[in-house]
Structures are given as C-alpha cells and as structure tokens.
C-alpha atoms as a PDB file:
ATOM      1  CA  MET A   1     110.363 103.343  77.565  1.00  0.00           C
ATOM      2  CA  SER A   2     108.744 102.533  74.209  1.00  0.00           C
ATOM      3  CA  ASN A   3     105.630 104.368  73.069  1.00  0.00           C
ATOM      4  CA  ASP A   4     103.595 101.205  73.641  1.00  0.00           C
ATOM      5  CA  GLY A   5     105.002 100.864  77.149  1.00  0.00           C
ATOM      6  CA  PHE A   6     104.337 104.517  77.890  1.00  0.00           C
ATOM      7  CA  SER A   7     100.761 104.167  76.623  1.00  0.00           C
ATOM      8  CA  GLU A   8     100.156 101.059  78.714  1.00  0.00           C
ATOM      9  CA  GLN A   9     101.504 102.831  81.796  1.00  0.00           C
ATOM     10  CA  ALA A  10      99.164 105.788  81.246  1.00  0.00           C
ATOM     11  CA  ARG A  11      96.194 103.478  80.759  1.00  0.00           C
ATOM     12  CA  ASP A  12      96.886 101.570  83.983  1.00  0.00           C
ATOM     13  CA  ILE A  13      97.203 104.798  85.996  1.00  0.00           C
ATOM     14  CA  LEU A  14      94.043 106.320  84.514  1.00  0.00           C
ATOM     15  CA  LYS A  15      91.949 103.163  84.970  1.00  0.00           C
ATOM     16  CA  ALA A  16      92.807 103.185  88.688  1.00  0.00           C
ATOM     17  CA  VAL A  17      91.250 106.658  89.082  1.00  0.00           C
ATOM     18  CA  SER A  18      87.623 106.483  90.210  1.00  0.00           C
ATOM     19  CA  TYR A  19      86.532 109.089  87.647  1.00  0.00           C
ATOM     20  CA  PHE A  20      87.661 106.906  84.771  1.00  0.00           C
ATOM     21  CA  SER A  21      87.163 103.380  86.110  1.00  0.00           C
ATOM     22  CA  LYS A  22      83.800 102.863  84.358  1.00  0.00           C
ATOM     23  CA  LEU A  23      84.657 104.441  81.000  1.00  0.00           C
ATOM     24  CA  ASP A  24      84.668 102.252  77.890  1.00  0.00           C
ATOM     25  CA  ASP A  25      87.889 101.693  75.934  1.00  0.00           C
ATOM     26  CA  ALA A  26      87.201 104.466  73.412  1.00  0.00           C
ATOM     27  CA  ALA A  27      86.528 107.063  76.111  1.00  0.00           C
ATOM     28  CA  LEU A  28      89.555 105.941  78.107  1.00  0.00           C
ATOM     29  CA  ALA A  29      91.689 106.301  74.982  1.00  0.00           C
ATOM     30  CA  SER A  30      90.524 109.928  74.688  1.00  0.00           C
ATOM     31  CA  VAL A  31      91.631 110.590  78.264  1.00  0.00           C
ATOM     32  CA  GLU A  32      94.925 108.840  77.601  1.00  0.00           C
ATOM     33  CA  ARG A  33      95.656 111.047  74.581  1.00  0.00           C
ATOM     34  CA  ALA A  34      94.973 114.139  76.698  1.00  0.00           C
ATOM     35  CA  ALA A  35      97.258 113.040  79.550  1.00  0.00           C
ATOM     36  CA  ILE A  36     100.664 114.647  80.065  1.00  0.00           C
ATOM     37  CA  ARG A  37     103.303 113.141  82.381  1.00  0.00           C
ATOM     38  CA  ARG A  38     105.644 115.432  84.309  1.00  0.00           C
ATOM     39  CA  ASP A  39     108.453 114.994  86.839  1.00  0.00           C
ATOM     40  CA  TYR A  40     108.880 117.375  89.764  1.00  0.00           C
ATOM     41  CA  ASP A  41     111.690 117.919  92.245  1.00  0.00           C
ATOM     42  CA  ALA A  42     111.117 118.359  95.976  1.00  0.00           C
ATOM     43  CA  GLU A  43     109.621 121.800  96.769  1.00  0.00           C
ATOM     44  CA  GLN A  44     108.801 122.442  93.099  1.00  0.00           C
ATOM     45  CA  VAL A  45     105.399 124.088  92.584  1.00  0.00           C
ATOM     46  CA  ILE A  46     102.948 122.206  90.350  1.00  0.00           C
ATOM     47  CA  LEU A  47     100.112 124.718  90.256  1.00  0.00           C
ATOM     48  CA  ILE A  48      99.391 128.081  91.856  1.00  0.00           C
ATOM     49  CA  GLU A  49      96.236 129.221  93.627  1.00  0.00           C
ATOM     50  CA  GLY A  50      94.223 131.709  91.568  1.00  0.00           C
ATOM     51  CA  GLU A  51      95.700 130.813  88.184  1.00  0.00           C
ATOM     52  CA  PRO A  52      93.477 129.411  85.386  1.00  0.00           C
ATOM     53  CA  CYS A  53      92.757 125.712  85.639  1.00  0.00           C
ATOM     54  CA  ALA A  54      94.596 123.560  83.096  1.00  0.00           C
ATOM     55  CA  GLY A  55      93.209 120.178  84.057  1.00  0.00           C
ATOM     56  CA  LEU A  56      92.904 117.333  86.512  1.00  0.00           C
ATOM     57  CA  TYR A  57      96.103 116.034  88.139  1.00  0.00           C
ATOM     58  CA  ILE A  58      96.909 112.468  89.184  1.00  0.00           C
ATOM     59  CA  VAL A  59      99.822 111.510  91.440  1.00  0.00           C
ATOM     60  CA  GLU A  60     101.813 108.581  90.057  1.00  0.00           C
ATOM     61  CA  SER A  61     104.596 108.624  92.655  1.00  0.00           C
ATOM     62  CA  GLY A  62     105.850 110.814  95.478  1.00  0.00           C
ATOM     63  CA  TRP A  63     103.958 113.013  97.940  1.00  0.00           C
ATOM     64  CA  LEU A  64     102.529 116.498  97.424  1.00  0.00           C
ATOM     65  CA  LYS A  65     100.816 119.107  99.556  1.00  0.00           C
ATOM     66  CA  ALA A  66      97.901 121.393  98.690  1.00  0.00           C
ATOM     67  CA  VAL A  67      98.029 124.668 100.627  1.00  0.00           C
ATOM     68  CA  ARG A  68      96.334 128.034 100.990  1.00  0.00           C
ATOM     69  CA  ILE A  69      98.678 130.889 101.898  1.00  0.00           C
ATOM     70  CA  GLY A  70      97.465 133.705 104.163  1.00  0.00           C
ATOM     71  CA  LEU A  71      98.269 137.393 103.830  1.00  0.00           C
ATOM     72  CA  ASP A  72     100.867 136.939 106.586  1.00  0.00           C
ATOM     73  CA  GLY A  73     102.604 134.226 104.541  1.00  0.00           C
ATOM     74  CA  ARG A  74     101.511 131.360 106.765  1.00  0.00           C
ATOM     75  CA  GLU A  75     100.532 128.103 105.090  1.00  0.00           C
ATOM     76  CA  GLN A  76      97.449 126.064 105.862  1.00  0.00           C
ATOM     77  CA  VAL A  77      97.859 122.590 104.470  1.00  0.00           C
ATOM     78  CA  LEU A  78      94.514 121.465 103.075  1.00  0.00           C
ATOM     79  CA  GLN A  79      95.653 117.997 102.110  1.00  0.00           C
ATOM     80  CA  THR A  80      98.684 115.820 101.581  1.00  0.00           C
ATOM     81  CA  LEU A  81      98.451 113.799  98.376  1.00  0.00           C
ATOM     82  CA  LYS A  82      99.845 110.321  97.885  1.00  0.00           C
ATOM     83  CA  PRO A  83     100.203 108.104  94.808  1.00  0.00           C
ATOM     84  CA  GLY A  84      96.875 107.343  93.136  1.00  0.00           C
ATOM     85  CA  GLU A  85      95.127 110.484  94.383  1.00  0.00           C
ATOM     86  CA  THR A  86      93.779 113.303  92.211  1.00  0.00           C
ATOM     87  CA  PHE A  87      93.635 117.041  92.765  1.00  0.00           C
ATOM     88  CA  ASN A  88      92.190 120.226  91.230  1.00  0.00           C
ATOM     89  CA  ALA A  89      88.861 118.541  90.429  1.00  0.00           C
ATOM     90  CA  LEU A  90      86.834 121.413  91.906  1.00  0.00           C
ATOM     91  CA  SER A  91      88.378 123.866  89.458  1.00  0.00           C
ATOM     92  CA  VAL A  92      88.028 121.495  86.514  1.00  0.00           C
ATOM     93  CA  PHE A  93      84.321 120.914  86.961  1.00  0.00           C
ATOM     94  CA  THR A  94      83.166 124.318  88.265  1.00  0.00           C
ATOM     95  CA  ASP A  95      85.008 126.701  85.901  1.00  0.00           C
ATOM     96  CA  ALA A  96      86.882 128.232  88.853  1.00  0.00           C
ATOM     97  CA  PRO A  97      90.590 129.080  89.040  1.00  0.00           C
ATOM     98  CA  ASN A  98      92.966 126.814  90.946  1.00  0.00           C
ATOM     99  CA  GLN A  99      91.726 126.687  94.546  1.00  0.00           C
ATOM    100  CA  ALA A 100      95.099 125.953  96.154  1.00  0.00           C
ATOM    101  CA  THR A 101      98.824 125.951  95.537  1.00  0.00           C
ATOM    102  CA  VAL A 102     100.218 122.437  95.144  1.00  0.00           C
ATOM    103  CA  ALA A 103     103.911 121.625  95.605  1.00  0.00           C
ATOM    104  CA  ALA A 104     105.982 118.451  95.716  1.00  0.00           C
ATOM    105  CA  LEU A 105     107.219 117.337  99.129  1.00  0.00           C
ATOM    106  CA  GLU A 106     109.683 114.935  97.512  1.00  0.00           C
ATOM    107  CA  PRO A 107     110.623 113.951  93.936  1.00  0.00           C
ATOM    108  CA  SER A 108     107.275 113.131  92.323  1.00  0.00           C
ATOM    109  CA  VAL A 109     105.650 112.120  89.040  1.00  0.00           C
ATOM    110  CA  VAL A 110     102.286 113.664  88.161  1.00  0.00           C
ATOM    111  CA  TRP A 111      99.895 113.254  85.224  1.00  0.00           C
ATOM    112  CA  MET A 112      97.643 116.072  83.996  1.00  0.00           C
ATOM    113  CA  VAL A 113      94.490 115.472  81.924  1.00  0.00           C
ATOM    114  CA  ARG A 114      93.272 118.529  80.006  1.00  0.00           C
ATOM    115  CA  ARG A 115      90.095 120.163  81.244  1.00  0.00           C
ATOM    116  CA  ASP A 116      88.433 120.479  77.824  1.00  0.00           C
ATOM    117  CA  ILE A 117      88.619 116.714  77.265  1.00  0.00           C
ATOM    118  CA  LEU A 118      87.120 115.987  80.690  1.00  0.00           C
ATOM    119  CA  LEU A 119      84.205 118.362  80.175  1.00  0.00           C
ATOM    120  CA  LYS A 120      83.461 116.798  76.790  1.00  0.00           C
ATOM    121  CA  LEU A 121      83.511 113.311  78.322  1.00  0.00           C
ATOM    122  CA  MET A 122      81.100 114.401  81.067  1.00  0.00           C
ATOM    123  CA  GLU A 123      78.546 115.371  78.429  1.00  0.00           C
ATOM    124  CA  GLU A 124      78.924 112.044  76.646  1.00  0.00           C
ATOM    125  CA  HIS A 125      79.092 109.743  79.683  1.00  0.00           C
ATOM    126  CA  PRO A 126      76.470 110.196  82.446  1.00  0.00           C
ATOM    127  CA  SER A 127      78.323 107.670  84.617  1.00  0.00           C
ATOM    128  CA  LEU A 128      81.328 110.008  84.694  1.00  0.00           C
ATOM    129  CA  ALA A 129      79.117 112.959  85.643  1.00  0.00           C
ATOM    130  CA  ARG A 130      77.611 110.958  88.537  1.00  0.00           C
ATOM    131  CA  GLN A 131      81.058 109.946  89.743  1.00  0.00           C
ATOM    132  CA  VAL A 132      82.249 113.557  89.608  1.00  0.00           C
ATOM    133  CA  ILE A 133      79.273 114.705  91.708  1.00  0.00           C
ATOM    134  CA  GLN A 134      79.922 111.979  94.263  1.00  0.00           C
ATOM    135  CA  GLU A 135      83.631 112.772  94.501  1.00  0.00           C
ATOM    136  CA  LEU A 136      83.077 116.528  94.817  1.00  0.00           C
ATOM    137  CA  ALA A 137      80.501 115.946  97.556  1.00  0.00           C
ATOM    138  CA  GLY A 138      83.114 113.908  99.409  1.00  0.00           C
ATOM    139  CA  LYS A 139      85.634 116.756  99.114  1.00  0.00           C
ATOM    140  CA  VAL A 140      83.090 119.226 100.508  1.00  0.00           C
ATOM    141  CA  GLN A 141      82.485 116.916 103.485  1.00  0.00           C
ATOM    142  CA  TYR A 142      86.263 116.677 104.031  1.00  0.00           C
ATOM    143  CA  LEU A 143      86.595 120.483 104.074  1.00  0.00           C
ATOM    144  CA  ILE A 144      83.648 120.804 106.472  1.00  0.00           C
ATOM    145  CA  ARG A 145      85.386 118.409 108.861  1.00  0.00           C
ATOM    146  CA  MET A 146      88.605 120.410 108.529  1.00  0.00           C
ATOM    147  CA  VAL A 147      86.820 123.660 109.411  1.00  0.00           C
ATOM    148  CA  GLU A 148      85.214 121.906 112.371  1.00  0.00           C
ATOM    149  CA  ASP A 149      88.609 120.684 113.585  1.00  0.00           C
ATOM    150  CA  LEU A 150      90.289 124.086 113.242  1.00  0.00           C
ATOM    151  CA  SER A 151      87.487 126.015 114.919  1.00  0.00           C
ATOM    152  CA  LEU A 152      86.225 123.645 117.618  1.00  0.00           C
ATOM    153  CA  ARG A 153      89.120 121.401 118.653  1.00  0.00           C
ATOM    154  CA  SER A 154      92.366 122.123 120.468  1.00  0.00           C
ATOM    155  CA  VAL A 155      95.780 121.634 118.856  1.00  0.00           C
ATOM    156  CA  GLU A 156      96.374 118.635 121.136  1.00  0.00           C
ATOM    157  CA  THR A 157      93.134 117.002 119.967  1.00  0.00           C
ATOM    158  CA  ARG A 158      93.935 117.729 116.313  1.00  0.00           C
ATOM    159  CA  LEU A 159      97.431 116.318 116.783  1.00  0.00           C
ATOM    160  CA  ALA A 160      96.056 113.127 118.350  1.00  0.00           C
ATOM    161  CA  ARG A 161      93.659 112.724 115.427  1.00  0.00           C
ATOM    162  CA  LEU A 162      96.484 113.245 112.941  1.00  0.00           C
ATOM    163  CA  LEU A 163      98.681 110.637 114.625  1.00  0.00           C
ATOM    164  CA  LEU A 164      95.867 108.080 114.719  1.00  0.00           C
ATOM    165  CA  GLY A 165      95.099 108.733 111.062  1.00  0.00           C
ATOM    166  CA  GLN A 166      98.736 108.214 110.053  1.00  0.00           C
ATOM    167  CA  ALA A 167      99.437 105.243 112.324  1.00  0.00           C
ATOM    168  CA  GLU A 168     100.465 101.907 110.887  1.00  0.00           C
ATOM    169  CA  GLY A 169      99.991  99.513 113.760  1.00  0.00           C
ATOM    170  CA  GLU A 170     101.481 101.109 116.849  1.00  0.00           C
ATOM    171  CA  SER A 171     103.712 103.695 115.177  1.00  0.00           C
ATOM    172  CA  VAL A 172     103.774 106.616 112.774  1.00  0.00           C
ATOM    173  CA  GLN A 173     106.624 106.587 110.264  1.00  0.00           C
ATOM    174  CA  ARG A 174     107.972 110.097 109.605  1.00  0.00           C
ATOM    175  CA  ARG A 175     109.157 110.818 106.078  1.00  0.00           C
ATOM    176  CA  ARG A 176     112.093 113.131 105.522  1.00  0.00           C
ATOM    177  CA  TRP A 177     109.794 116.104 104.810  1.00  0.00           C
ATOM    178  CA  GLU A 178     107.501 115.505 107.811  1.00  0.00           C
ATOM    179  CA  THR A 179     109.034 118.170 110.013  1.00  0.00           C
ATOM    180  CA  GLN A 180     107.297 119.899 112.890  1.00  0.00           C
ATOM    181  CA  ALA A 181     106.846 122.906 110.599  1.00  0.00           C
ATOM    182  CA  GLU A 182     104.950 120.756 108.089  1.00  0.00           C
ATOM    183  CA  MET A 183     102.914 119.229 110.897  1.00  0.00           C
ATOM    184  CA  ALA A 184     102.069 122.700 112.187  1.00  0.00           C
ATOM    185  CA  SER A 185     100.865 123.750 108.729  1.00  0.00           C
ATOM    186  CA  ARG A 186      98.534 120.768 108.635  1.00  0.00           C
ATOM    187  CA  LEU A 187      97.191 121.499 112.121  1.00  0.00           C
ATOM    188  CA  GLY A 188      96.704 125.225 111.535  1.00  0.00           C
ATOM    189  CA  THR A 189      99.222 126.380 114.133  1.00  0.00           C
ATOM    190  CA  VAL A 190     102.962 127.100 114.552  1.00  0.00           C
ATOM    191  CA  PRO A 191     105.890 124.715 115.214  1.00  0.00           C
ATOM    192  CA  ASP A 192     106.406 125.806 118.856  1.00  0.00           C
ATOM    193  CA  VAL A 193     102.834 124.851 119.718  1.00  0.00           C
ATOM    194  CA  VAL A 194     103.204 121.464 118.012  1.00  0.00           C
ATOM    195  CA  ASN A 195     106.464 120.874 119.878  1.00  0.00           C
ATOM    196  CA  ARG A 196     104.766 121.572 123.219  1.00  0.00           C
ATOM    197  CA  ALA A 197     101.850 119.274 122.362  1.00  0.00           C
ATOM    198  CA  LEU A 198     104.209 116.445 121.340  1.00  0.00           C
ATOM    199  CA  ARG A 199     106.246 116.925 124.505  1.00  0.00           C
ATOM    200  CA  LYS A 200     103.109 116.810 126.674  1.00  0.00           C
ATOM    201  CA  LEU A 201     101.900 113.576 125.056  1.00  0.00           C
ATOM    202  CA  SER A 202     105.378 112.125 125.527  1.00  0.00           C
ATOM    203  CA  GLU A 203     105.559 113.136 129.210  1.00  0.00           C
ATOM    204  CA  GLU A 204     102.164 111.533 129.789  1.00  0.00           C
ATOM    205  CA  GLY A 205     103.465 108.243 128.366  1.00  0.00           C
ATOM    206  CA  ILE A 206     101.082 108.259 125.414  1.00  0.00           C
ATOM    207  CA  ILE A 207     103.715 108.505 122.668  1.00  0.00           C
ATOM    208  CA  HIS A 208     107.477 108.251 122.268  1.00  0.00           C
ATOM    209  CA  VAL A 209     109.041 110.565 119.697  1.00  0.00           C
ATOM    210  CA  LYS A 210     112.014 109.378 117.662  1.00  0.00           C
ATOM    211  CA  ARG A 211     113.723 111.076 114.738  1.00  0.00           C
ATOM    212  CA  HIS A 212     111.969 109.078 112.011  1.00  0.00           C
ATOM    213  CA  GLN A 213     109.137 107.527 113.996  1.00  0.00           C
ATOM    214  CA  ILE A 214     106.532 108.301 116.636  1.00  0.00           C
ATOM    215  CA  GLN A 215     105.607 105.244 118.699  1.00  0.00           C
ATOM    216  CA  ILE A 216     102.108 105.081 120.150  1.00  0.00           C
ATOM    217  CA  LEU A 217     102.452 103.670 123.663  1.00  0.00           C
ATOM    218  CA  ASP A 218      98.856 104.193 124.814  1.00  0.00           C
ATOM    219  CA  LYS A 219      96.447 104.006 121.883  1.00  0.00           C
ATOM    220  CA  GLU A 220      93.322 104.199 124.029  1.00  0.00           C
ATOM    221  CA  GLY A 221      94.679 107.289 125.767  1.00  0.00           C
ATOM    222  CA  LEU A 222      95.428 108.870 122.389  1.00  0.00           C
ATOM    223  CA  LYS A 223      91.880 108.070 121.212  1.00  0.00           C
ATOM    224  CA  ALA A 224      90.465 109.752 124.306  1.00  0.00           C
ATOM    225  CA  ILE A 225      92.432 112.930 123.568  1.00  0.00           C
ATOM    226  CA  ALA A 226      91.368 112.731 119.918  1.00  0.00           C
ATOM    227  CA  GLN A 227      87.726 112.455 121.044  1.00  0.00           C
ATOM    228  CA  VAL A 228      87.257 109.341 118.957  1.00  0.00           C
ATOM    229  CA  ILE A 229      83.928 107.628 119.632  1.00  0.00           C
ATOM    230  CA  GLU A 230      83.724 103.955 118.637  1.00  0.00           C
END
C-alpha cells in the first residue's frame, strides 16, 4: 500500500471512532500521525493488565477479548471487541495502568493512538473532552450491569441473555474461537456448568445446539429465562 493509501485508510478508521468524529481536519491529522498499525495472531497478547498505558486502541479487523485474571488463574471476560470498537480508554484518560489484559481471539489488526497526543487534544478541543466523559460514563454503566449479572442472576439466566444479545434472527453463529470455555469465561463460571445449562435449554426445546450454530427454537421462552421485560 502506498503512503497516501495508508494515510487515507488511517483517516477513515479514525473518523469512524466516536472520540474523533467531530474533530477538525488539523486535529484529525495530529491523531493520524500518532496512530500505529499492528497485526496480531490468534491468542497473541496486545496489552497486559497493570502495565503502563501506551495509548488508545482501535480494532480494524478481527475479534479480541479483554479479561481480568484471578489469583487462581481463572479468566473473567469483561468484553469481546469487534471491528470499530476501542479499548483502554479508562487508562488513557485517568492516568491509570492498563485495567485488563487484551488478547486476539483470531488474526486481528489494531491501531494504537499515543496517550500524550490524546491528552493534548482534550485540552484544545472541549468537544473531545465531552465525548470522552460520555463514553467513560457508558463503560461504567456497562460494568455495573456486569456486576449485577454476576452477583444476582443465575448462570442459566446469564446464558439466555448472552444468546439473545448475540442472536441474528433466530440463530447464534459460533465463530471458531467461541468454545464453551470462552463462553464460561464470559459468564463467570466453568465449562461444565455452561454445558449443563446448554443441555437443559436444549432438552426444554428452547434451543438446538449445532457445532457452529445455536438455533433459537423458542425466543419467548428464552426471553422469560433471561428475565427480559419489554
């Protein structure tokens, strides 16, 4: 790719990020110059919890997971990240170390924008500062809901909510890396418990589990288990 093509690609990716969508051309050019593009293989670690924050990351392609690892070695998946999403914002804007370990679930391309450039832009552009506050508030609300799920809802209810959230029409497509172990990490439990919950939903005629797909046979029944109120 030519330098011009590479620059245009970076600009398009950055402009699609909510933090940068309202910046003028000069400010966006500053972000572009501070952006570094990197390729990662499946299972490769992108950043490590507790290490100094280098910058804000943007997913161009592939899927990643952000995890916290307990003293017993168990993972709690905080979030799966798809193309167009950002991560590590909390550390960038609060002067804290990386709050989670992030690893690629499949071959992925990620951009990193240096922290010092972002902090300088926040001082110069109030609109960016307002957007940062709004986005961080949204992340706090997301984490509050996660804590509520883990502490107040059963694994079966959390599983039903996960399936409804991932559903496209009447099915959930399972990527190569979406094993029961990964699902268990997202739900805050262990694979055997997830297996039993899937089997129970299947026996009740609510879902049908295939190798690369989970079909939802009774969406209203799944909503009832998920405690979804419409």
